[in-house]
Amino acid sequence: MARYRLISFKACPWVQRAAIVLREKGIDFEFVHIESGNRPDWFKAISPHGKVPVLQIDERTALFESNAIAEYLDESIEPRLHPADPVVRAINRAWADYIPTFSAALSAFSGATNSEDHGAARTALSVIFGRLEEALLRQGNDPFFNGDYYALVDAGYAPFLQRYLIVAELSGDHLIEEFPHLRQWAHALVERATTHSFPPAEFRELYIGLLKKRGGVVAQALDA
């Protein structure tokens, strides 16, 4: 059996995406955590973009970029997480391609340094929430993107929705309550055991530390 090592920054959501897929498939793997500000030479040698995640396979092959890693794992190891129907699969892939847009909007919302920027970021995030709400309505019944079928697109959004729910709790701004299907999806993903690389309470404290380090309106509210 192949040996898998997942190279990670400790709280990176893109690494978490790959880890979720590994766990969903029941694959044993080793986490190797490195510091973002002190990337070792061996890591630079196997990561062409200088980013995590990197998935090493038998210490011979190194795959990079979370989407490529997820697709490789799904193509090579059962059970398949992509839907079997090619049209539904294409829709899932299209919404997976939207994850960077969602990530950027969430980062702007959680890291805005003044109330004006925070308000603008909230408005932009509301638009994205609306698009996701409409997609969930088109796809079928809750709890997951494709109803009862857990898919790669769920694994992709789970880390970011987990982080959003923490920000909502800390800030008291529960924007997601305006989008019931998105809210249910977020909670279903957070409640799924494979989402978690750390115990939830431990991750919450780790993520709060990162928010405080970044500063901004949300971090200021925490300090207050």
C-alpha atoms as a PDB file:
ATOM      1  CA  MET A   1       0.000   0.000   0.000  1.00  0.00           C
ATOM      2  CA  ALA A   2       1.210   3.490  -0.855  1.00  0.00           C
ATOM      3  CA  ARG A   3       2.499   5.770   1.891  1.00  0.00           C
ATOM      4  CA  TYR A   4       1.050   9.276   1.947  1.00  0.00           C
ATOM      5  CA  ARG A   5       2.529  12.364   3.612  1.00  0.00           C
ATOM      6  CA  LEU A   6       0.555  15.617   3.569  1.00  0.00           C
ATOM      7  CA  ILE A   7       2.729  18.716   3.957  1.00  0.00           C
ATOM      8  CA  SER A   8       0.877  21.502   5.701  1.00  0.00           C
ATOM      9  CA  PHE A   9       0.820  24.817   7.470  1.00  0.00           C
ATOM     10  CA  LYS A  10      -1.049  24.011  10.644  1.00  0.00           C
ATOM     11  CA  ALA A  11      -4.305  25.855   9.937  1.00  0.00           C
ATOM     12  CA  CYS A  12      -4.313  26.076   6.128  1.00  0.00           C
ATOM     13  CA  PRO A  13      -7.835  25.532   4.691  1.00  0.00           C
ATOM     14  CA  TRP A  14      -6.457  24.274   1.363  1.00  0.00           C
ATOM     15  CA  VAL A  15      -4.513  21.553   3.162  1.00  0.00           C
ATOM     16  CA  GLN A  16      -7.631  20.750   5.154  1.00  0.00           C
ATOM     17  CA  ARG A  17      -9.471  20.194   1.870  1.00  0.00           C
ATOM     18  CA  ALA A  18      -6.976  17.492   0.871  1.00  0.00           C
ATOM     19  CA  ALA A  19      -7.035  15.971   4.361  1.00  0.00           C
ATOM     20  CA  ILE A  20     -10.829  15.715   4.253  1.00  0.00           C
ATOM     21  CA  VAL A  21     -10.693  13.757   0.992  1.00  0.00           C
ATOM     22  CA  LEU A  22      -8.066  11.415   2.443  1.00  0.00           C
ATOM     23  CA  ARG A  23     -10.240  10.800   5.496  1.00  0.00           C
ATOM     24  CA  GLU A  24     -13.413  10.333   3.446  1.00  0.00           C
ATOM     25  CA  LYS A  25     -11.629   7.584   1.538  1.00  0.00           C
ATOM     26  CA  GLY A  26     -10.234   5.969   4.676  1.00  0.00           C
ATOM     27  CA  ILE A  27      -6.617   6.530   3.612  1.00  0.00           C
ATOM     28  CA  ASP A  28      -3.956   6.496   6.309  1.00  0.00           C
ATOM     29  CA  PHE A  29      -1.623   9.459   5.964  1.00  0.00           C
ATOM     30  CA  GLU A  30       0.997  11.376   7.903  1.00  0.00           C
ATOM     31  CA  PHE A  31       0.656  15.090   8.571  1.00  0.00           C
ATOM     32  CA  VAL A  32       3.912  17.050   8.318  1.00  0.00           C
ATOM     33  CA  HIS A  33       3.495  20.616   9.577  1.00  0.00           C
ATOM     34  CA  ILE A  34       5.926  23.341   8.537  1.00  0.00           C
ATOM     35  CA  GLU A  35       6.000  27.064   9.339  1.00  0.00           C
ATOM     36  CA  SER A  36       4.846  29.450   6.617  1.00  0.00           C
ATOM     37  CA  GLY A  37       7.621  31.881   7.534  1.00  0.00           C
ATOM     38  CA  ASN A  38      10.324  29.230   7.598  1.00  0.00           C
ATOM     39  CA  ARG A  39       9.840  26.898   4.640  1.00  0.00           C
ATOM     40  CA  PRO A  40      12.617  24.275   4.601  1.00  0.00           C
ATOM     41  CA  ASP A  41      14.713  23.641   1.522  1.00  0.00           C
ATOM     42  CA  TRP A  42      13.352  20.107   1.099  1.00  0.00           C
ATOM     43  CA  PHE A  43       9.865  21.599   0.870  1.00  0.00           C
ATOM     44  CA  LYS A  44      10.901  24.198  -1.697  1.00  0.00           C
ATOM     45  CA  ALA A  45      12.366  21.388  -3.787  1.00  0.00           C
ATOM     46  CA  ILE A  46       9.032  19.547  -4.051  1.00  0.00           C
ATOM     47  CA  SER A  47       6.578  22.477  -4.170  1.00  0.00           C
ATOM     48  CA  PRO A  48       6.933  24.328  -7.493  1.00  0.00           C
ATOM     49  CA  HIS A  49       4.626  27.138  -6.335  1.00  0.00           C
ATOM     50  CA  GLY A  50       6.105  27.264  -2.838  1.00  0.00           C
ATOM     51  CA  LYS A  51       2.673  26.598  -1.357  1.00  0.00           C
ATOM     52  CA  VAL A  52       0.896  23.918   0.640  1.00  0.00           C
ATOM     53  CA  PRO A  53      -0.605  21.401   0.367  1.00  0.00           C
ATOM     54  CA  VAL A  54       1.871  18.963  -1.090  1.00  0.00           C
ATOM     55  CA  LEU A  55       0.990  15.280  -1.064  1.00  0.00           C
ATOM     56  CA  GLN A  56       3.999  12.971  -1.153  1.00  0.00           C
ATOM     57  CA  ILE A  57       3.344   9.441  -2.339  1.00  0.00           C
ATOM     58  CA  ASP A  58       5.937   6.839  -1.324  1.00  0.00           C
ATOM     59  CA  GLU A  59       8.486   9.703  -1.116  1.00  0.00           C
ATOM     60  CA  ARG A  60       8.814   9.499  -4.914  1.00  0.00           C
ATOM     61  CA  THR A  61       5.959  11.607  -6.254  1.00  0.00           C
ATOM     62  CA  ALA A  62       4.887  15.014  -4.949  1.00  0.00           C
ATOM     63  CA  LEU A  63       1.502  16.389  -5.990  1.00  0.00           C
ATOM     64  CA  PHE A  64       0.607  20.036  -5.361  1.00  0.00           C
ATOM     65  CA  GLU A  65      -2.466  22.310  -5.451  1.00  0.00           C
ATOM     66  CA  SER A  66      -5.445  21.126  -3.412  1.00  0.00           C
ATOM     67  CA  ASN A  67      -7.853  20.711  -6.334  1.00  0.00           C
ATOM     68  CA  ALA A  68      -5.377  18.580  -8.289  1.00  0.00           C
ATOM     69  CA  ILE A  69      -4.711  16.451  -5.202  1.00  0.00           C
ATOM     70  CA  ALA A  70      -8.445  15.950  -4.581  1.00  0.00           C
ATOM     71  CA  GLU A  71      -9.064  14.997  -8.204  1.00  0.00           C
ATOM     72  CA  TYR A  72      -6.147  12.533  -8.201  1.00  0.00           C
ATOM     73  CA  LEU A  73      -7.357  10.856  -5.016  1.00  0.00           C
ATOM     74  CA  ASP A  74     -10.889  10.610  -6.382  1.00  0.00           C
ATOM     75  CA  GLU A  75      -9.771   9.122  -9.684  1.00  0.00           C
ATOM     76  CA  SER A  76      -7.450   6.566  -8.133  1.00  0.00           C
ATOM     77  CA  ILE A  77      -9.084   5.440  -4.873  1.00  0.00           C
ATOM     78  CA  GLU A  78     -12.624   4.307  -4.099  1.00  0.00           C
ATOM     79  CA  PRO A  79     -15.182   5.395  -3.093  1.00  0.00           C
ATOM     80  CA  ARG A  80     -15.689   8.039  -5.745  1.00  0.00           C
ATOM     81  CA  LEU A  81     -16.798  11.388  -4.341  1.00  0.00           C
ATOM     82  CA  HIS A  82     -17.574  13.038  -7.663  1.00  0.00           C
ATOM     83  CA  PRO A  83     -21.143  12.356  -8.839  1.00  0.00           C
ATOM     84  CA  ALA A  84     -21.441   9.694 -11.545  1.00  0.00           C
ATOM     85  CA  ASP A  85     -23.662  11.773 -13.838  1.00  0.00           C
ATOM     86  CA  PRO A  86     -21.384  13.861 -16.116  1.00  0.00           C
ATOM     87  CA  VAL A  87     -23.667  16.909 -16.083  1.00  0.00           C
ATOM     88  CA  VAL A  88     -23.949  16.922 -12.295  1.00  0.00           C
ATOM     89  CA  ARG A  89     -20.194  16.326 -12.057  1.00  0.00           C
ATOM     90  CA  ALA A  90     -19.527  19.335 -14.318  1.00  0.00           C
ATOM     91  CA  ILE A  91     -21.794  21.509 -12.149  1.00  0.00           C
ATOM     92  CA  ASN A  92     -19.946  20.325  -9.052  1.00  0.00           C
ATOM     93  CA  ARG A  93     -16.599  21.141 -10.645  1.00  0.00           C
ATOM     94  CA  ALA A  94     -17.829  24.593 -11.661  1.00  0.00           C
ATOM     95  CA  TRP A  95     -18.844  25.387  -8.081  1.00  0.00           C
ATOM     96  CA  ALA A  96     -15.555  23.975  -6.807  1.00  0.00           C
ATOM     97  CA  ASP A  97     -13.853  26.495  -9.089  1.00  0.00           C
ATOM     98  CA  TYR A  98     -15.783  29.201  -7.201  1.00  0.00           C
ATOM     99  CA  ILE A  99     -14.100  28.335  -3.882  1.00  0.00           C
ATOM    100  CA  PRO A 100     -11.213  30.828  -4.331  1.00  0.00           C
ATOM    101  CA  THR A 101     -13.780  33.618  -4.823  1.00  0.00           C
ATOM    102  CA  PHE A 102     -15.543  32.575  -1.621  1.00  0.00           C
ATOM    103  CA  SER A 103     -12.225  32.314   0.207  1.00  0.00           C
ATOM    104  CA  ALA A 104     -11.195  35.816  -0.859  1.00  0.00           C
ATOM    105  CA  ALA A 105     -14.538  37.284   0.208  1.00  0.00           C
ATOM    106  CA  LEU A 106     -14.381  35.588   3.596  1.00  0.00           C
ATOM    107  CA  SER A 107     -10.816  36.785   4.103  1.00  0.00           C
ATOM    108  CA  ALA A 108     -11.847  40.361   3.277  1.00  0.00           C
ATOM    109  CA  PHE A 109     -14.764  40.109   5.716  1.00  0.00           C
ATOM    110  CA  SER A 110     -12.778  38.639   8.591  1.00  0.00           C
ATOM    111  CA  GLY A 111      -9.718  40.831   8.076  1.00  0.00           C
ATOM    112  CA  ALA A 112     -11.173  44.253   7.204  1.00  0.00           C
ATOM    113  CA  THR A 113      -9.297  46.920   9.158  1.00  0.00           C
ATOM    114  CA  ASN A 114     -12.071  49.518   9.456  1.00  0.00           C
ATOM    115  CA  SER A 115     -15.858  49.618   9.619  1.00  0.00           C
ATOM    116  CA  GLU A 116     -16.265  50.971   6.081  1.00  0.00           C
ATOM    117  CA  ASP A 117     -14.217  48.152   4.534  1.00  0.00           C
ATOM    118  CA  HIS A 118     -15.937  45.643   6.800  1.00  0.00           C
ATOM    119  CA  GLY A 119     -19.347  46.812   5.619  1.00  0.00           C
ATOM    120  CA  ALA A 120     -18.308  46.591   1.971  1.00  0.00           C
ATOM    121  CA  ALA A 121     -16.886  43.115   2.544  1.00  0.00           C
ATOM    122  CA  ARG A 122     -20.118  42.045   4.253  1.00  0.00           C
ATOM    123  CA  THR A 123     -22.129  43.234   1.256  1.00  0.00           C
ATOM    124  CA  ALA A 124     -19.870  41.326  -1.142  1.00  0.00           C
ATOM    125  CA  LEU A 125     -20.063  38.201   1.018  1.00  0.00           C
ATOM    126  CA  SER A 126     -23.866  38.471   1.058  1.00  0.00           C
ATOM    127  CA  VAL A 127     -23.906  38.381  -2.739  1.00  0.00           C
ATOM    128  CA  ILE A 128     -21.759  35.241  -2.732  1.00  0.00           C
ATOM    129  CA  PHE A 129     -23.956  33.664  -0.065  1.00  0.00           C
ATOM    130  CA  GLY A 130     -26.950  34.341  -2.293  1.00  0.00           C
ATOM    131  CA  ARG A 131     -25.335  32.611  -5.248  1.00  0.00           C
ATOM    132  CA  LEU A 132     -24.505  29.568  -3.149  1.00  0.00           C
ATOM    133  CA  GLU A 133     -28.047  29.525  -1.723  1.00  0.00           C
ATOM    134  CA  GLU A 134     -29.472  29.454  -5.255  1.00  0.00           C
ATOM    135  CA  ALA A 135     -27.081  26.679  -6.256  1.00  0.00           C
ATOM    136  CA  LEU A 136     -28.114  24.574  -3.265  1.00  0.00           C
ATOM    137  CA  LEU A 137     -31.786  25.073  -4.127  1.00  0.00           C
ATOM    138  CA  ARG A 138     -31.164  23.909  -7.705  1.00  0.00           C
ATOM    139  CA  GLN A 139     -29.121  20.890  -6.674  1.00  0.00           C
ATOM    140  CA  GLY A 140     -31.744  19.279  -4.468  1.00  0.00           C
ATOM    141  CA  ASN A 141     -32.475  18.568  -0.841  1.00  0.00           C
ATOM    142  CA  ASP A 142     -30.128  19.200   2.078  1.00  0.00           C
ATOM    143  CA  PRO A 143     -27.857  18.450   3.839  1.00  0.00           C
ATOM    144  CA  PHE A 144     -25.026  18.403   1.268  1.00  0.00           C
ATOM    145  CA  PHE A 145     -24.481  20.074  -2.089  1.00  0.00           C
ATOM    146  CA  ASN A 146     -26.025  17.100  -3.912  1.00  0.00           C
ATOM    147  CA  GLY A 147     -28.535  16.148  -1.236  1.00  0.00           C
ATOM    148  CA  ASP A 148     -27.568  13.038   0.703  1.00  0.00           C
ATOM    149  CA  TYR A 149     -24.489  12.407  -1.492  1.00  0.00           C
ATOM    150  CA  TYR A 150     -21.250  13.778  -0.016  1.00  0.00           C
ATOM    151  CA  ALA A 151     -18.966  14.964  -2.820  1.00  0.00           C
ATOM    152  CA  LEU A 152     -15.644  16.644  -3.520  1.00  0.00           C
ATOM    153  CA  VAL A 153     -17.368  20.021  -3.675  1.00  0.00           C
ATOM    154  CA  ASP A 154     -18.480  19.533  -0.058  1.00  0.00           C
ATOM    155  CA  ALA A 155     -14.909  18.756   0.984  1.00  0.00           C
ATOM    156  CA  GLY A 156     -13.775  21.934  -0.763  1.00  0.00           C
ATOM    157  CA  TYR A 157     -16.171  24.312   0.959  1.00  0.00           C
ATOM    158  CA  ALA A 158     -16.056  22.690   4.413  1.00  0.00           C
ATOM    159  CA  PRO A 159     -12.857  24.406   5.686  1.00  0.00           C
ATOM    160  CA  PHE A 160     -14.081  27.857   4.690  1.00  0.00           C
ATOM    161  CA  LEU A 161     -17.592  27.455   6.061  1.00  0.00           C
ATOM    162  CA  GLN A 162     -16.063  26.161   9.301  1.00  0.00           C
ATOM    163  CA  ARG A 163     -14.023  29.343   9.555  1.00  0.00           C
ATOM    164  CA  TYR A 164     -16.977  31.547   8.669  1.00  0.00           C
ATOM    165  CA  LEU A 165     -19.100  30.045  11.459  1.00  0.00           C
ATOM    166  CA  ILE A 166     -16.335  30.856  13.960  1.00  0.00           C
ATOM    167  CA  VAL A 167     -16.164  34.453  12.703  1.00  0.00           C
ATOM    168  CA  ALA A 168     -19.967  34.726  12.910  1.00  0.00           C
ATOM    169  CA  GLU A 169     -19.921  33.474  16.497  1.00  0.00           C
ATOM    170  CA  LEU A 170     -17.129  35.834  17.521  1.00  0.00           C
ATOM    171  CA  SER A 171     -18.521  38.917  15.777  1.00  0.00           C
ATOM    172  CA  GLY A 172     -22.196  38.295  16.536  1.00  0.00           C
ATOM    173  CA  ASP A 173     -22.925  38.997  12.859  1.00  0.00           C
ATOM    174  CA  HIS A 174     -24.935  35.981  11.692  1.00  0.00           C
ATOM    175  CA  LEU A 175     -25.350  36.934   8.037  1.00  0.00           C
ATOM    176  CA  ILE A 176     -25.714  33.271   7.077  1.00  0.00           C
ATOM    177  CA  GLU A 177     -29.067  33.117   8.906  1.00  0.00           C
ATOM    178  CA  GLU A 178     -30.553  34.923   5.895  1.00  0.00           C
ATOM    179  CA  PHE A 179     -29.667  31.901   3.733  1.00  0.00           C
ATOM    180  CA  PRO A 180     -31.260  28.796   5.290  1.00  0.00           C
ATOM    181  CA  HIS A 181     -29.954  26.187   2.853  1.00  0.00           C
ATOM    182  CA  LEU A 182     -26.438  27.554   3.075  1.00  0.00           C
ATOM    183  CA  ARG A 183     -26.718  27.633   6.873  1.00  0.00           C
ATOM    184  CA  GLN A 184     -27.820  24.000   6.971  1.00  0.00           C
ATOM    185  CA  TRP A 185     -25.023  22.997   4.568  1.00  0.00           C
ATOM    186  CA  ALA A 186     -22.426  24.773   6.701  1.00  0.00           C
ATOM    187  CA  HIS A 187     -23.570  23.085   9.901  1.00  0.00           C
ATOM    188  CA  ALA A 188     -23.800  19.656   8.247  1.00  0.00           C
ATOM    189  CA  LEU A 189     -20.205  19.996   7.033  1.00  0.00           C
ATOM    190  CA  VAL A 190     -18.902  21.159  10.416  1.00  0.00           C
ATOM    191  CA  GLU A 191     -20.696  18.306  12.156  1.00  0.00           C
ATOM    192  CA  ARG A 192     -19.059  15.715   9.874  1.00  0.00           C
ATOM    193  CA  ALA A 193     -16.092  14.059  11.583  1.00  0.00           C
ATOM    194  CA  THR A 194     -13.898  14.053   8.455  1.00  0.00           C
ATOM    195  CA  THR A 195     -13.920  17.871   8.375  1.00  0.00           C
ATOM    196  CA  HIS A 196     -11.687  18.090  11.423  1.00  0.00           C
ATOM    197  CA  SER A 197      -7.897  17.842  11.450  1.00  0.00           C
ATOM    198  CA  PHE A 198      -7.886  18.994  15.092  1.00  0.00           C
ATOM    199  CA  PRO A 199     -10.431  18.762  17.905  1.00  0.00           C
ATOM    200  CA  PRO A 200     -12.944  21.589  17.257  1.00  0.00           C
ATOM    201  CA  ALA A 201     -12.090  23.522  20.438  1.00  0.00           C
ATOM    202  CA  GLU A 202      -8.367  23.338  19.669  1.00  0.00           C
ATOM    203  CA  PHE A 203      -8.900  24.532  16.111  1.00  0.00           C
ATOM    204  CA  ARG A 204     -11.147  27.362  17.294  1.00  0.00           C
ATOM    205  CA  GLU A 205      -8.375  28.706  19.533  1.00  0.00           C
ATOM    206  CA  LEU A 206      -5.815  28.278  16.761  1.00  0.00           C
ATOM    207  CA  TYR A 207      -7.991  30.186  14.299  1.00  0.00           C
ATOM    208  CA  ILE A 208      -8.733  32.946  16.833  1.00  0.00           C
ATOM    209  CA  GLY A 209      -4.978  33.352  17.263  1.00  0.00           C
ATOM    210  CA  LEU A 210      -4.592  33.791  13.507  1.00  0.00           C
ATOM    211  CA  LEU A 211      -7.406  36.361  13.413  1.00  0.00           C
ATOM    212  CA  LYS A 212      -5.766  38.353  16.197  1.00  0.00           C
ATOM    213  CA  LYS A 213      -2.430  38.195  14.403  1.00  0.00           C
ATOM    214  CA  ARG A 214      -4.003  39.576  11.241  1.00  0.00           C
ATOM    215  CA  GLY A 215      -5.811  42.331  13.102  1.00  0.00           C
ATOM    216  CA  GLY A 216      -8.921  44.033  11.777  1.00  0.00           C
ATOM    217  CA  VAL A 217     -12.443  44.752  12.968  1.00  0.00           C
ATOM    218  CA  VAL A 218     -13.220  41.184  14.062  1.00  0.00           C
ATOM    219  CA  ALA A 219      -9.962  40.919  16.018  1.00  0.00           C
ATOM    220  CA  GLN A 220     -10.590  44.316  17.626  1.00  0.00           C
ATOM    221  CA  ALA A 221     -13.988  43.106  18.822  1.00  0.00           C
ATOM    222  CA  LEU A 222     -12.273  40.077  20.382  1.00  0.00           C
ATOM    223  CA  ASP A 223      -9.819  42.294  22.230  1.00  0.00           C
ATOM    224  CA  ALA A 224     -12.651  44.497  23.442  1.00  0.00           C
END
